[in-house]
Amino acid sequence: GLFLDRFPDADLVHGDAQGIDRISLGIFKELLQERGQSNE
């Protein structure tokens, strides 16, 4: 969230593994939704 506050258009890179990778994806989508942004 702090990184997105500084750089609102930042993208996420992850390896799609079960665990932190997919947890971070869910968190990233949640943060964008809270900011009124699309994850597309």
PDB file of all heavy atoms in Angstrom:
ATOM      1  N   GLY A   1       0.815  -1.212   0.000  1.00  0.00           N
ATOM      2  CA  GLY A   1       0.000   0.000   0.000  1.00  0.00           C
ATOM      3  C   GLY A   1       0.847   1.259   0.000  1.00  0.00           C
ATOM      4  O   GLY A   1       0.541   2.234  -0.701  1.00  0.00           O
ATOM      5  N   LEU A   2       1.925   1.235   0.761  1.00  0.00           N
ATOM      6  CA  LEU A   2       2.824   2.401   0.805  1.00  0.00           C
ATOM      7  C   LEU A   2       3.490   2.629  -0.548  1.00  0.00           C
ATOM      8  O   LEU A   2       3.655   3.774  -0.987  1.00  0.00           O
ATOM      9  CB  LEU A   2       3.887   2.195   1.885  1.00  0.00           C
ATOM     10  CG  LEU A   2       3.387   2.305   3.334  1.00  0.00           C
ATOM     11  CD1 LEU A   2       4.467   1.838   4.302  1.00  0.00           C
ATOM     12  CD2 LEU A   2       2.981   3.742   3.651  1.00  0.00           C
ATOM     13  N   PHE A   3       3.874   1.525  -1.213  1.00  0.00           N
ATOM     14  CA  PHE A   3       4.482   1.667  -2.534  1.00  0.00           C
ATOM     15  C   PHE A   3       3.473   2.232  -3.527  1.00  0.00           C
ATOM     16  O   PHE A   3       3.796   3.107  -4.350  1.00  0.00           O
ATOM     17  CB  PHE A   3       5.012   0.324  -3.025  1.00  0.00           C
ATOM     18  CG  PHE A   3       5.930   0.437  -4.220  1.00  0.00           C
ATOM     19  CD1 PHE A   3       7.269   0.745  -4.054  1.00  0.00           C
ATOM     20  CD2 PHE A   3       5.452   0.229  -5.509  1.00  0.00           C
ATOM     21  CE1 PHE A   3       8.126   0.859  -5.144  1.00  0.00           C
ATOM     22  CE2 PHE A   3       6.299   0.332  -6.608  1.00  0.00           C
ATOM     23  CZ  PHE A   3       7.644   0.647  -6.428  1.00  0.00           C
ATOM     24  N   LEU A   4       2.226   1.750  -3.458  1.00  0.00           N
ATOM     25  CA  LEU A   4       1.181   2.242  -4.353  1.00  0.00           C
ATOM     26  C   LEU A   4       0.814   3.694  -4.042  1.00  0.00           C
ATOM     27  O   LEU A   4       0.397   4.432  -4.942  1.00  0.00           O
ATOM     28  CB  LEU A   4      -0.058   1.338  -4.266  1.00  0.00           C
ATOM     29  CG  LEU A   4       0.059  -0.015  -4.969  1.00  0.00           C
ATOM     30  CD1 LEU A   4      -1.133  -0.902  -4.626  1.00  0.00           C
ATOM     31  CD2 LEU A   4       0.156   0.170  -6.483  1.00  0.00           C
ATOM     32  N   ASP A   5       0.939   4.092  -2.790  1.00  0.00           N
ATOM     33  CA  ASP A   5       0.693   5.497  -2.448  1.00  0.00           C
ATOM     34  C   ASP A   5       1.708   6.393  -3.156  1.00  0.00           C
ATOM     35  O   ASP A   5       1.378   7.499  -3.603  1.00  0.00           O
ATOM     36  CB  ASP A   5       0.791   5.700  -0.933  1.00  0.00           C
ATOM     37  CG  ASP A   5      -0.408   5.115  -0.191  1.00  0.00           C
ATOM     38  OD1 ASP A   5      -1.434   4.842  -0.845  1.00  0.00           O
ATOM     39  OD2 ASP A   5      -0.304   4.924   1.031  1.00  0.00           O
ATOM     40  N   ARG A   6       2.947   5.911  -3.238  1.00  0.00           N
ATOM     41  CA  ARG A   6       4.007   6.687  -3.896  1.00  0.00           C
ATOM     42  C   ARG A   6       3.912   6.578  -5.410  1.00  0.00           C
ATOM     43  O   ARG A   6       4.150   7.550  -6.133  1.00  0.00           O
ATOM     44  CB  ARG A   6       5.374   6.190  -3.435  1.00  0.00           C
ATOM     45  CG  ARG A   6       5.677   6.388  -1.964  1.00  0.00           C
ATOM     46  CD  ARG A   6       7.085   5.893  -1.645  1.00  0.00           C
ATOM     47  NE  ARG A   6       8.099   6.661  -2.374  1.00  0.00           N
ATOM     48  CZ  ARG A   6       9.367   6.261  -2.521  1.00  0.00           C
ATOM     49  NH1 ARG A   6       9.752   5.106  -1.996  1.00  0.00           N
ATOM     50  NH2 ARG A   6      10.220   7.012  -3.176  1.00  0.00           N
ATOM     51  N   PHE A   7       3.559   5.369  -5.883  1.00  0.00           N
ATOM     52  CA  PHE A   7       3.518   5.111  -7.327  1.00  0.00           C
ATOM     53  C   PHE A   7       2.198   4.405  -7.661  1.00  0.00           C
ATOM     54  O   PHE A   7       2.148   3.171  -7.764  1.00  0.00           O
ATOM     55  CB  PHE A   7       4.718   4.250  -7.737  1.00  0.00           C
ATOM     56  CG  PHE A   7       6.042   4.768  -7.228  1.00  0.00           C
ATOM     57  CD1 PHE A   7       6.710   4.120  -6.198  1.00  0.00           C
ATOM     58  CD2 PHE A   7       6.600   5.918  -7.762  1.00  0.00           C
ATOM     59  CE1 PHE A   7       7.914   4.592  -5.716  1.00  0.00           C
ATOM     60  CE2 PHE A   7       7.815   6.403  -7.285  1.00  0.00           C
ATOM     61  CZ  PHE A   7       8.471   5.747  -6.257  1.00  0.00           C
ATOM     62  N   PRO A   8       1.136   5.172  -7.823  1.00  0.00           N
ATOM     63  CA  PRO A   8      -0.217   4.602  -7.982  1.00  0.00           C
ATOM     64  C   PRO A   8      -0.393   3.683  -9.185  1.00  0.00           C
ATOM     65  O   PRO A   8      -1.315   2.863  -9.199  1.00  0.00           O
ATOM     66  CB  PRO A   8      -1.102   5.850  -8.119  1.00  0.00           C
ATOM     67  CG  PRO A   8      -0.319   6.954  -7.500  1.00  0.00           C
ATOM     68  CD  PRO A   8       1.107   6.641  -7.795  1.00  0.00           C
ATOM     69  N   ASP A   9       0.470   3.813 -10.195  1.00  0.00           N
ATOM     70  CA  ASP A   9       0.294   2.996 -11.400  1.00  0.00           C
ATOM     71  C   ASP A   9       1.223   1.783 -11.427  1.00  0.00           C
ATOM     72  O   ASP A   9       1.410   1.148 -12.473  1.00  0.00           O
ATOM     73  CB  ASP A   9       0.515   3.837 -12.654  1.00  0.00           C
ATOM     74  CG  ASP A   9       1.937   4.407 -12.740  1.00  0.00           C
ATOM     75  OD1 ASP A   9       2.647   4.362 -11.717  1.00  0.00           O
ATOM     76  OD2 ASP A   9       2.311   4.896 -13.821  1.00  0.00           O
ATOM     77  N   ALA A  10       1.810   1.429 -10.293  1.00  0.00           N
ATOM     78  CA  ALA A  10       2.748   0.296 -10.244  1.00  0.00           C
ATOM     79  C   ALA A  10       2.047  -1.023 -10.562  1.00  0.00           C
ATOM     80  O   ALA A  10       0.866  -1.217 -10.257  1.00  0.00           O
ATOM     81  CB  ALA A  10       3.405   0.219  -8.871  1.00  0.00           C
ATOM     82  N   ASP A  11       2.800  -1.927 -11.186  1.00  0.00           N
ATOM     83  CA  ASP A  11       2.299  -3.264 -11.518  1.00  0.00           C
ATOM     84  C   ASP A  11       2.837  -4.290 -10.528  1.00  0.00           C
ATOM     85  O   ASP A  11       3.845  -4.056  -9.858  1.00  0.00           O
ATOM     86  CB  ASP A  11       2.739  -3.669 -12.926  1.00  0.00           C
ATOM     87  CG  ASP A  11       2.085  -2.824 -14.006  1.00  0.00           C
ATOM     88  OD1 ASP A  11       1.044  -2.206 -13.730  1.00  0.00           O
ATOM     89  OD2 ASP A  11       2.632  -2.781 -15.124  1.00  0.00           O
ATOM     90  N   LEU A  12       2.180  -5.440 -10.485  1.00  0.00           N
ATOM     91  CA  LEU A  12       2.615  -6.546  -9.633  1.00  0.00           C
ATOM     92  C   LEU A  12       3.228  -7.649 -10.487  1.00  0.00           C
ATOM     93  O   LEU A  12       2.696  -8.000 -11.547  1.00  0.00           O
ATOM     94  CB  LEU A  12       1.433  -7.119  -8.850  1.00  0.00           C
ATOM     95  CG  LEU A  12       1.709  -8.390  -8.022  1.00  0.00           C
ATOM     96  CD1 LEU A  12       2.634  -8.071  -6.851  1.00  0.00           C
ATOM     97  CD2 LEU A  12       0.413  -9.016  -7.518  1.00  0.00           C
ATOM     98  N   VAL A  13       4.351  -8.208 -10.024  1.00  0.00           N
ATOM     99  CA  VAL A  13       4.989  -9.363 -10.649  1.00  0.00           C
ATOM    100  C   VAL A  13       5.035 -10.482  -9.618  1.00  0.00           C
ATOM    101  O   VAL A  13       5.467 -10.265  -8.481  1.00  0.00           O
ATOM    102  CB  VAL A  13       6.431  -9.032 -11.110  1.00  0.00           C
ATOM    103  CG1 VAL A  13       7.093 -10.263 -11.705  1.00  0.00           C
ATOM    104  CG2 VAL A  13       6.422  -7.886 -12.115  1.00  0.00           C
ATOM    105  N   HIS A  14       4.580 -11.687 -10.000  1.00  0.00           N
ATOM    106  CA  HIS A  14       4.661 -12.814  -9.061  1.00  0.00           C
ATOM    107  C   HIS A  14       4.707 -14.124  -9.833  1.00  0.00           C
ATOM    108  O   HIS A  14       4.446 -14.177 -11.036  1.00  0.00           O
ATOM    109  CB  HIS A  14       3.482 -12.803  -8.077  1.00  0.00           C
ATOM    110  CG  HIS A  14       2.163 -13.162  -8.686  1.00  0.00           C
ATOM    111  ND1 HIS A  14       1.642 -14.425  -8.629  1.00  0.00           N
ATOM    112  CD2 HIS A  14       1.257 -12.423  -9.368  1.00  0.00           C
ATOM    113  CE1 HIS A  14       0.474 -14.461  -9.240  1.00  0.00           C
ATOM    114  NE2 HIS A  14       0.213 -13.247  -9.706  1.00  0.00           N
ATOM    115  N   GLY A  15       5.064 -15.201  -9.126  1.00  0.00           N
ATOM    116  CA  GLY A  15       5.274 -16.500  -9.760  1.00  0.00           C
ATOM    117  C   GLY A  15       4.086 -17.431  -9.749  1.00  0.00           C
ATOM    118  O   GLY A  15       4.197 -18.578 -10.184  1.00  0.00           O
ATOM    119  N   ASP A  16       2.952 -16.983  -9.225  1.00  0.00           N
ATOM    120  CA  ASP A  16       1.705 -17.743  -9.253  1.00  0.00           C
ATOM    121  C   ASP A  16       1.745 -19.043  -8.457  1.00  0.00           C
ATOM    122  O   ASP A  16       0.981 -19.961  -8.709  1.00  0.00           O
ATOM    123  CB  ASP A  16       1.304 -18.047 -10.706  1.00  0.00           C
ATOM    124  CG  ASP A  16      -0.165 -18.445 -10.825  1.00  0.00           C
ATOM    125  OD1 ASP A  16      -0.984 -17.876 -10.077  1.00  0.00           O
ATOM    126  OD2 ASP A  16      -0.488 -19.319 -11.650  1.00  0.00           O
ATOM    127  N   ALA A  17       2.648 -19.135  -7.484  1.00  0.00           N
ATOM    128  CA  ALA A  17       2.689 -20.330  -6.639  1.00  0.00           C
ATOM    129  C   ALA A  17       1.684 -20.183  -5.496  1.00  0.00           C
ATOM    130  O   ALA A  17       1.341 -19.072  -5.086  1.00  0.00           O
ATOM    131  CB  ALA A  17       4.086 -20.535  -6.068  1.00  0.00           C
ATOM    132  N   GLN A  18       1.204 -21.315  -4.982  1.00  0.00           N
ATOM    133  CA  GLN A  18       0.356 -21.286  -3.801  1.00  0.00           C
ATOM    134  C   GLN A  18       1.141 -20.687  -2.650  1.00  0.00           C
ATOM    135  O   GLN A  18       2.329 -20.947  -2.496  1.00  0.00           O
ATOM    136  CB  GLN A  18      -0.089 -22.709  -3.439  1.00  0.00           C
ATOM    137  CG  GLN A  18      -0.995 -23.368  -4.463  1.00  0.00           C
ATOM    138  CD  GLN A  18      -2.422 -22.847  -4.399  1.00  0.00           C
ATOM    139  OE1 GLN A  18      -2.783 -22.097  -3.496  1.00  0.00           O
ATOM    140  NE2 GLN A  18      -3.245 -23.221  -5.363  1.00  0.00           N
ATOM    141  N   GLY A  19       0.498 -19.884  -1.840  1.00  0.00           N
ATOM    142  CA  GLY A  19       1.178 -19.260  -0.716  1.00  0.00           C
ATOM    143  C   GLY A  19       1.280 -17.765  -0.902  1.00  0.00           C
ATOM    144  O   GLY A  19       0.331 -17.104  -1.328  1.00  0.00           O
ATOM    145  N   ILE A  20       2.453 -17.204  -0.600  1.00  0.00           N
ATOM    146  CA  ILE A  20       2.637 -15.755  -0.617  1.00  0.00           C
ATOM    147  C   ILE A  20       2.364 -15.154  -1.993  1.00  0.00           C
ATOM    148  O   ILE A  20       1.818 -14.054  -2.098  1.00  0.00           O
ATOM    149  CB  ILE A  20       4.061 -15.388  -0.147  1.00  0.00           C
ATOM    150  CG1 ILE A  20       4.250 -15.769   1.323  1.00  0.00           C
ATOM    151  CG2 ILE A  20       4.335 -13.907  -0.356  1.00  0.00           C
ATOM    152  CD1 ILE A  20       3.306 -15.052   2.280  1.00  0.00           C
ATOM    153  N   ASP A  21       2.740 -15.869  -3.075  1.00  0.00           N
ATOM    154  CA  ASP A  21       2.507 -15.336  -4.423  1.00  0.00           C
ATOM    155  C   ASP A  21       1.030 -14.991  -4.615  1.00  0.00           C
ATOM    156  O   ASP A  21       0.682 -13.874  -5.015  1.00  0.00           O
ATOM    157  CB  ASP A  21       2.935 -16.354  -5.485  1.00  0.00           C
ATOM    158  CG  ASP A  21       4.440 -16.488  -5.606  1.00  0.00           C
ATOM    159  OD1 ASP A  21       5.161 -15.922  -4.751  1.00  0.00           O
ATOM    160  OD2 ASP A  21       4.906 -17.160  -6.534  1.00  0.00           O
ATOM    161  N   ARG A  22       0.178 -15.954  -4.359  1.00  0.00           N
ATOM    162  CA  ARG A  22      -1.253 -15.739  -4.606  1.00  0.00           C
ATOM    163  C   ARG A  22      -1.897 -14.879  -3.520  1.00  0.00           C
ATOM    164  O   ARG A  22      -2.858 -14.160  -3.783  1.00  0.00           O
ATOM    165  CB  ARG A  22      -1.967 -17.078  -4.747  1.00  0.00           C
ATOM    166  CG  ARG A  22      -1.490 -17.833  -5.983  1.00  0.00           C
ATOM    167  CD  ARG A  22      -2.315 -19.040  -6.295  1.00  0.00           C
ATOM    168  NE  ARG A  22      -1.794 -19.732  -7.471  1.00  0.00           N
ATOM    169  CZ  ARG A  22      -2.302 -20.872  -7.948  1.00  0.00           C
ATOM    170  NH1 ARG A  22      -3.343 -21.435  -7.356  1.00  0.00           N
ATOM    171  NH2 ARG A  22      -1.753 -21.441  -9.005  1.00  0.00           N
ATOM    172  N   ILE A  23      -1.342 -14.949  -2.321  1.00  0.00           N
ATOM    173  CA  ILE A  23      -1.829 -14.048  -1.267  1.00  0.00           C
ATOM    174  C   ILE A  23      -1.536 -12.606  -1.661  1.00  0.00           C
ATOM    175  O   ILE A  23      -2.396 -11.724  -1.519  1.00  0.00           O
ATOM    176  CB  ILE A  23      -1.145 -14.386   0.081  1.00  0.00           C
ATOM    177  CG1 ILE A  23      -1.678 -15.713   0.627  1.00  0.00           C
ATOM    178  CG2 ILE A  23      -1.361 -13.259   1.098  1.00  0.00           C
ATOM    179  CD1 ILE A  23      -0.924 -16.236   1.829  1.00  0.00           C
ATOM    180  N   SER A  24      -0.346 -12.362  -2.198  1.00  0.00           N
ATOM    181  CA  SER A  24       0.013 -11.000  -2.609  1.00  0.00           C
ATOM    182  C   SER A  24      -0.868 -10.521  -3.755  1.00  0.00           C
ATOM    183  O   SER A  24      -1.204  -9.329  -3.839  1.00  0.00           O
ATOM    184  CB  SER A  24       1.487 -10.939  -3.015  1.00  0.00           C
ATOM    185  OG  SER A  24       1.716 -11.615  -4.235  1.00  0.00           O
ATOM    186  N   LEU A  25      -1.251 -11.435  -4.642  1.00  0.00           N
ATOM    187  CA  LEU A  25      -2.155 -11.070  -5.739  1.00  0.00           C
ATOM    188  C   LEU A  25      -3.497 -10.600  -5.188  1.00  0.00           C
ATOM    189  O   LEU A  25      -4.024  -9.568  -5.625  1.00  0.00           O
ATOM    190  CB  LEU A  25      -2.351 -12.268  -6.667  1.00  0.00           C
ATOM    191  CG  LEU A  25      -3.394 -12.086  -7.772  1.00  0.00           C
ATOM    192  CD1 LEU A  25      -3.008 -10.942  -8.704  1.00  0.00           C
ATOM    193  CD2 LEU A  25      -3.570 -13.397  -8.563  1.00  0.00           C
ATOM    194  N   GLY A  26      -4.030 -11.352  -4.231  1.00  0.00           N
ATOM    195  CA  GLY A  26      -5.299 -10.950  -3.627  1.00  0.00           C
ATOM    196  C   GLY A  26      -5.197  -9.609  -2.926  1.00  0.00           C
ATOM    197  O   GLY A  26      -6.101  -8.768  -3.028  1.00  0.00           O
ATOM    198  N   ILE A  27      -4.092  -9.394  -2.231  1.00  0.00           N
ATOM    199  CA  ILE A  27      -3.871  -8.130  -1.531  1.00  0.00           C
ATOM    200  C   ILE A  27      -3.744  -6.977  -2.525  1.00  0.00           C
ATOM    201  O   ILE A  27      -4.312  -5.894  -2.324  1.00  0.00           O
ATOM    202  CB  ILE A  27      -2.617  -8.215  -0.643  1.00  0.00           C
ATOM    203  CG1 ILE A  27      -2.864  -9.163   0.528  1.00  0.00           C
ATOM    204  CG2 ILE A  27      -2.204  -6.831  -0.141  1.00  0.00           C
ATOM    205  CD1 ILE A  27      -1.624  -9.443   1.373  1.00  0.00           C
ATOM    206  N   PHE A  28      -3.034  -7.214  -3.619  1.00  0.00           N
ATOM    207  CA  PHE A  28      -2.839  -6.177  -4.638  1.00  0.00           C
ATOM    208  C   PHE A  28      -4.187  -5.766  -5.237  1.00  0.00           C
ATOM    209  O   PHE A  28      -4.480  -4.569  -5.384  1.00  0.00           O
ATOM    210  CB  PHE A  28      -1.914  -6.706  -5.727  1.00  0.00           C
ATOM    211  CG  PHE A  28      -1.555  -5.703  -6.790  1.00  0.00           C
ATOM    212  CD1 PHE A  28      -0.695  -4.655  -6.510  1.00  0.00           C
ATOM    213  CD2 PHE A  28      -2.078  -5.816  -8.071  1.00  0.00           C
ATOM    214  CE1 PHE A  28      -0.346  -3.735  -7.491  1.00  0.00           C
ATOM    215  CE2 PHE A  28      -1.736  -4.908  -9.060  1.00  0.00           C
ATOM    216  CZ  PHE A  28      -0.872  -3.862  -8.766  1.00  0.00           C
ATOM    217  N   LYS A  29      -5.009  -6.740  -5.572  1.00  0.00           N
ATOM    218  CA  LYS A  29      -6.331  -6.446  -6.128  1.00  0.00           C
ATOM    219  C   LYS A  29      -7.181  -5.676  -5.123  1.00  0.00           C
ATOM    220  O   LYS A  29      -7.911  -4.742  -5.485  1.00  0.00           O
ATOM    221  CB  LYS A  29      -7.035  -7.742  -6.527  1.00  0.00           C
ATOM    222  CG  LYS A  29      -6.422  -8.423  -7.745  1.00  0.00           C
ATOM    223  CD  LYS A  29      -7.177  -9.692  -8.088  1.00  0.00           C
ATOM    224  CE  LYS A  29      -6.626 -10.342  -9.362  1.00  0.00           C
ATOM    225  NZ  LYS A  29      -7.353 -11.594  -9.688  1.00  0.00           N
ATOM    226  N   GLU A  30      -7.083  -6.081  -3.860  1.00  0.00           N
ATOM    227  CA  GLU A  30      -7.834  -5.404  -2.797  1.00  0.00           C
ATOM    228  C   GLU A  30      -7.396  -3.950  -2.662  1.00  0.00           C
ATOM    229  O   GLU A  30      -8.232  -3.038  -2.533  1.00  0.00           O
ATOM    230  CB  GLU A  30      -7.619  -6.151  -1.482  1.00  0.00           C
ATOM    231  CG  GLU A  30      -8.414  -5.599  -0.302  1.00  0.00           C
ATOM    232  CD  GLU A  30      -8.158  -6.391   0.970  1.00  0.00           C
ATOM    233  OE1 GLU A  30      -7.763  -7.580   0.875  1.00  0.00           O
ATOM    234  OE2 GLU A  30      -8.338  -5.818   2.065  1.00  0.00           O
ATOM    235  N   LEU A  31      -6.095  -3.718  -2.708  1.00  0.00           N
ATOM    236  CA  LEU A  31      -5.574  -2.353  -2.593  1.00  0.00           C
ATOM    237  C   LEU A  31      -6.022  -1.484  -3.766  1.00  0.00           C
ATOM    238  O   LEU A  31      -6.376  -0.310  -3.580  1.00  0.00           O
ATOM    239  CB  LEU A  31      -4.049  -2.389  -2.518  1.00  0.00           C
ATOM    240  CG  LEU A  31      -3.446  -2.883  -1.202  1.00  0.00           C
ATOM    241  CD1 LEU A  31      -1.961  -3.192  -1.366  1.00  0.00           C
ATOM    242  CD2 LEU A  31      -3.654  -1.850  -0.090  1.00  0.00           C
ATOM    243  N   LEU A  32      -5.997  -2.052  -4.965  1.00  0.00           N
ATOM    244  CA  LEU A  32      -6.438  -1.285  -6.129  1.00  0.00           C
ATOM    245  C   LEU A  32      -7.933  -0.966  -6.041  1.00  0.00           C
ATOM    246  O   LEU A  32      -8.359   0.146  -6.371  1.00  0.00           O
ATOM    247  CB  LEU A  32      -6.143  -2.057  -7.419  1.00  0.00           C
ATOM    248  CG  LEU A  32      -4.671  -2.236  -7.789  1.00  0.00           C
ATOM    249  CD1 LEU A  32      -4.546  -2.945  -9.140  1.00  0.00           C
ATOM    250  CD2 LEU A  32      -3.950  -0.894  -7.853  1.00  0.00           C
ATOM    251  N   GLN A  33      -8.715  -1.932  -5.580  1.00  0.00           N
ATOM    252  CA  GLN A  33     -10.154  -1.704  -5.423  1.00  0.00           C
ATOM    253  C   GLN A  33     -10.416  -0.594  -4.410  1.00  0.00           C
ATOM    254  O   GLN A  33     -11.278   0.259  -4.620  1.00  0.00           O
ATOM    255  CB  GLN A  33     -10.843  -2.996  -4.992  1.00  0.00           C
ATOM    256  CG  GLN A  33     -12.367  -2.890  -4.936  1.00  0.00           C
ATOM    257  CD  GLN A  33     -13.017  -4.224  -4.594  1.00  0.00           C
ATOM    258  OE1 GLN A  33     -12.379  -5.112  -4.047  1.00  0.00           O
ATOM    259  NE2 GLN A  33     -14.275  -4.366  -4.927  1.00  0.00           N
ATOM    260  N   GLU A  34      -9.665  -0.611  -3.316  1.00  0.00           N
ATOM    261  CA  GLU A  34      -9.827   0.431  -2.298  1.00  0.00           C
ATOM    262  C   GLU A  34      -9.494   1.809  -2.855  1.00  0.00           C
ATOM    263  O   GLU A  34     -10.007   2.824  -2.380  1.00  0.00           O
ATOM    264  CB  GLU A  34      -8.918   0.128  -1.101  1.00  0.00           C
ATOM    265  CG  GLU A  34      -9.344  -1.088  -0.290  1.00  0.00           C
ATOM    266  CD  GLU A  34      -8.344  -1.443   0.788  1.00  0.00           C
ATOM    267  OE1 GLU A  34      -7.277  -0.770   0.877  1.00  0.00           O
ATOM    268  OE2 GLU A  34      -8.595  -2.397   1.548  1.00  0.00           O
ATOM    269  N   ARG A  35      -8.622   1.832  -3.877  1.00  0.00           N
ATOM    270  CA  ARG A  35      -8.213   3.102  -4.489  1.00  0.00           C
ATOM    271  C   ARG A  35      -9.035   3.444  -5.726  1.00  0.00           C
ATOM    272  O   ARG A  35      -8.730   4.400  -6.432  1.00  0.00           O
ATOM    273  CB  ARG A  35      -6.716   3.037  -4.846  1.00  0.00           C
ATOM    274  CG  ARG A  35      -5.810   3.083  -3.615  1.00  0.00           C
ATOM    275  CD  ARG A  35      -4.420   2.540  -3.922  1.00  0.00           C
ATOM    276  NE  ARG A  35      -3.476   2.787  -2.821  1.00  0.00           N
ATOM    277  CZ  ARG A  35      -3.484   2.124  -1.681  1.00  0.00           C
ATOM    278  NH1 ARG A  35      -4.372   1.161  -1.474  1.00  0.00           N
ATOM    279  NH2 ARG A  35      -2.601   2.418  -0.726  1.00  0.00           N
ATOM    280  N   GLY A  36     -10.050   2.631  -5.998  1.00  0.00           N
ATOM    281  CA  GLY A  36     -10.904   2.882  -7.150  1.00  0.00           C
ATOM    282  C   GLY A  36     -10.220   2.595  -8.477  1.00  0.00           C
ATOM    283  O   GLY A  36     -10.593   3.156  -9.510  1.00  0.00           O
ATOM    284  N   GLN A  37      -9.223   1.693  -8.454  1.00  0.00           N
ATOM    285  CA  GLN A  37      -8.489   1.369  -9.665  1.00  0.00           C
ATOM    286  C   GLN A  37      -8.795  -0.049 -10.128  1.00  0.00           C
ATOM    287  O   GLN A  37      -9.127  -0.925  -9.334  1.00  0.00           O
ATOM    288  CB  GLN A  37      -6.974   1.494  -9.429  1.00  0.00           C
ATOM    289  CG  GLN A  37      -6.502   2.894  -9.090  1.00  0.00           C
ATOM    290  CD  GLN A  37      -5.008   2.921  -8.823  1.00  0.00           C
ATOM    291  OE1 GLN A  37      -4.479   2.137  -8.035  1.00  0.00           O
ATOM    292  NE2 GLN A  37      -4.309   3.833  -9.475  1.00  0.00           N
ATOM    293  N   SER A  38      -8.648  -0.280 -11.422  1.00  0.00           N
ATOM    294  CA  SER A  38      -8.822  -1.609 -11.989  1.00  0.00           C
ATOM    295  C   SER A  38      -7.495  -2.340 -11.976  1.00  0.00           C
ATOM    296  O   SER A  38      -6.435  -1.732 -12.114  1.00  0.00           O
ATOM    297  CB  SER A  38      -9.336  -1.504 -13.429  1.00  0.00           C
ATOM    298  OG  SER A  38      -9.280  -2.770 -14.077  1.00  0.00           O
ATOM    299  N   ASN A  39      -7.540  -3.683 -11.832  1.00  0.00           N
ATOM    300  CA  ASN A  39      -6.313  -4.475 -11.878  1.00  0.00           C
ATOM    301  C   ASN A  39      -6.024  -4.995 -13.287  1.00  0.00           C
ATOM    302  O   ASN A  39      -5.041  -5.708 -13.504  1.00  0.00           O
ATOM    303  CB  ASN A  39      -6.366  -5.638 -10.880  1.00  0.00           C
ATOM    304  CG  ASN A  39      -7.509  -6.602 -11.191  1.00  0.00           C
ATOM    305  OD1 ASN A  39      -7.495  -7.268 -12.218  1.00  0.00           O
ATOM    306  ND2 ASN A  39      -8.481  -6.698 -10.295  1.00  0.00           N
ATOM    307  N   GLU A  40      -6.858  -4.628 -14.247  1.00  0.00           N
ATOM    308  CA  GLU A  40      -6.669  -5.088 -15.622  1.00  0.00           C
ATOM    309  C   GLU A  40      -5.334  -4.577 -16.179  1.00  0.00           C
ATOM    310  O   GLU A  40      -5.054  -3.380 -16.156  1.00  0.00           O
ATOM    311  CB  GLU A  40      -7.816  -4.613 -16.509  1.00  0.00           C
ATOM    312  CG  GLU A  40      -7.752  -5.160 -17.920  1.00  0.00           C
ATOM    313  CD  GLU A  40      -8.958  -4.775 -18.761  1.00  0.00           C
ATOM    314  OE1 GLU A  40      -9.893  -4.151 -18.201  1.00  0.00           O
ATOM    315  OE2 GLU A  40      -8.966  -5.083 -19.958  1.00  0.00           O
TER     316      GLU A  40
END
